[in-house]
Structures are given as structure tokens and as C-alpha cells.
């Protein structure tokens, strides 16, 4: 299986945005807040699956895991929409991520 990165996810989100441009809010900084709120709702659905079924089932039970992964995919879809709304590139995110990682590696 090949790696699945931010650039590929963003291309897919752009395709969805284009397909549903007449039904969905357009990608823009003003819409970013709404996308963040939708993402938080999806995170709540992830939490509900783990609360309802427990961590072990979320990790090992095929049906529960399928639901968990699907909801995490929803989170990532909104996450990528947020990045698109604010014009954040994969390269910009990687730079910030690496810097934060290095800072955390020196923390304790």
C-alpha cells in the first residue's frame, strides 16, 4: 500500500468542493470557522464510538473499527477543508509540524 498524504487528500477535497459547489459553502477564510465546527462534531462522533464500545473493541472488533476509521476519515476531510479555507499548503503544515516535533522532543 502506498503512503496517503495531505496533498492527495487536498486534491480529493478540491474535487468534492467542485462537484458540490452549488450545494456547499465555497472554500474561503470566512467559511473556515464553519468547517472547524463541523470537524469538532465529527471528533465527537469518534469519541462516542470509543465511549460506547470501549478502546479494546475500537482497536480489535472489525465492525467497531470500521465505524471508527470512517469517522476519522470525516475528521480528516473537514481538517483538509479548513486547510483549504485558510490557504495552508502541505509544505507549510509539514514545516510547522517538524518544528513542533523538534520543540516537543526537547521539552522534558
Protein backbone atom coordinates (compact mmCIF):
# COMPACT_ATOMS: atom_id res chain seq x y z
CA UNK A 1 0.00 0.00 0.00
CA UNK A 2 1.29 3.45 -0.84
CA UNK A 3 1.51 6.40 1.51
CA UNK A 4 -1.56 8.62 1.70
CA UNK A 5 -0.57 12.23 2.20
CA UNK A 6 -2.02 15.68 2.70
CA UNK A 7 -1.52 16.67 -0.96
CA UNK A 8 -3.62 13.72 -2.14
CA UNK A 9 -6.31 14.41 0.47
CA UNK A 10 -6.47 18.07 -0.55
CA UNK A 11 -6.82 17.14 -4.22
CA UNK A 12 -9.74 14.88 -3.30
CA UNK A 13 -11.33 17.64 -1.20
CA UNK A 14 -10.99 20.09 -4.07
CA UNK A 15 -12.77 17.56 -6.32
CA UNK A 16 -15.60 17.27 -3.78
CA UNK A 17 -15.83 21.03 -3.46
CA UNK A 18 -16.04 21.38 -7.23
CA UNK A 19 -18.68 18.66 -7.55
CA UNK A 20 -20.89 20.18 -4.86
CA UNK A 21 -20.13 23.86 -5.43
CA UNK A 22 -23.84 24.58 -5.94
CA UNK A 23 -24.81 22.89 -2.66
CA UNK A 24 -21.90 23.58 -0.28
CA UNK A 25 -20.46 26.77 1.10
CA UNK A 26 -17.49 27.89 -1.01
CA UNK A 27 -14.00 27.46 0.37
CA UNK A 28 -12.90 30.78 1.86
CA UNK A 29 -11.43 32.16 5.09
CA UNK A 30 -14.93 33.25 6.16
CA UNK A 31 -16.14 29.63 5.91
CA UNK A 32 -13.15 28.25 7.85
CA UNK A 33 -14.91 28.64 11.20
CA UNK A 34 -17.89 26.60 9.99
CA UNK A 35 -15.57 23.85 8.75
CA UNK A 36 -13.84 23.80 12.15
CA UNK A 37 -17.20 23.43 13.89
CA UNK A 38 -18.21 20.57 11.58
CA UNK A 39 -14.83 18.92 12.27
CA UNK A 40 -15.42 19.16 16.02
CA UNK A 41 -18.78 17.45 15.51
CA UNK A 42 -17.05 14.59 13.70
CA UNK A 43 -14.48 14.33 16.51
CA UNK A 44 -17.44 13.96 18.87
CA UNK A 45 -18.65 11.03 16.78
CA UNK A 46 -15.21 9.40 17.09
CA UNK A 47 -15.32 9.88 20.86
CA UNK A 48 -18.84 8.42 21.02
CA UNK A 49 -17.70 5.23 19.29
CA UNK A 50 -14.87 4.74 21.78
CA UNK A 51 -17.09 5.64 24.77
CA UNK A 52 -19.89 3.33 23.65
CA UNK A 53 -17.71 0.36 22.70
CA UNK A 54 -14.51 0.82 24.69
CA UNK A 55 -10.96 1.17 23.47
CA UNK A 56 -10.32 -2.54 23.05
CA UNK A 57 -13.32 -3.00 20.74
CA UNK A 58 -12.38 0.12 18.78
CA UNK A 59 -8.96 -1.41 18.21
CA UNK A 60 -9.92 -5.04 17.63
CA UNK A 61 -13.60 -5.51 16.70
CA UNK A 62 -13.87 -5.30 12.89
CA UNK A 63 -17.30 -3.61 12.82
CA UNK A 64 -16.49 -1.05 15.51
CA UNK A 65 -13.10 -0.37 13.94
CA UNK A 66 -14.73 0.20 10.53
CA UNK A 67 -17.04 2.82 12.07
CA UNK A 68 -14.12 4.43 13.95
CA UNK A 69 -11.96 4.69 10.82
CA UNK A 70 -14.87 6.08 8.79
CA UNK A 71 -15.47 8.83 11.35
CA UNK A 72 -11.75 9.60 11.47
CA UNK A 73 -11.87 9.96 7.68
CA UNK A 74 -14.68 12.50 8.14
CA UNK A 75 -12.46 14.41 10.61
CA UNK A 76 -9.64 14.46 8.06
CA UNK A 77 -11.97 15.65 5.32
CA UNK A 78 -13.00 18.66 7.38
CA UNK A 79 -9.38 19.16 8.50
CA UNK A 80 -8.34 19.41 4.86
CA UNK A 81 -11.26 21.75 4.13
CA UNK A 82 -10.00 24.00 6.94
CA UNK A 83 -6.53 23.98 5.42
CA UNK A 84 -8.02 24.88 2.03
CA UNK A 85 -10.13 27.67 3.59
CA UNK A 86 -7.04 29.32 5.03
CA UNK A 87 -4.70 28.51 2.14
CA UNK A 88 -2.43 26.26 4.21
CA UNK A 89 -0.28 24.05 1.99
CA UNK A 90 1.04 20.61 2.83
CA UNK A 91 4.56 22.09 2.83
CA UNK A 92 3.58 24.81 5.30
CA UNK A 93 1.95 22.24 7.58
CA UNK A 94 4.98 19.95 7.37
CA UNK A 95 7.33 22.78 8.34
CA UNK A 96 5.20 23.69 11.37
CA UNK A 97 4.78 20.02 12.32
CA UNK A 98 8.52 19.35 12.19
CA UNK A 99 9.27 22.48 14.22
CA UNK A 100 6.69 21.49 16.84
CA UNK A 101 8.03 17.92 16.91
CA UNK A 102 11.58 19.18 17.50
CA UNK A 103 10.38 21.52 20.25
CA UNK A 104 8.48 18.66 21.93
CA UNK A 105 11.50 16.34 21.68
CA UNK A 106 13.45 18.84 23.82
CA UNK A 107 10.64 19.53 26.27
CA UNK A 108 11.44 17.01 29.04
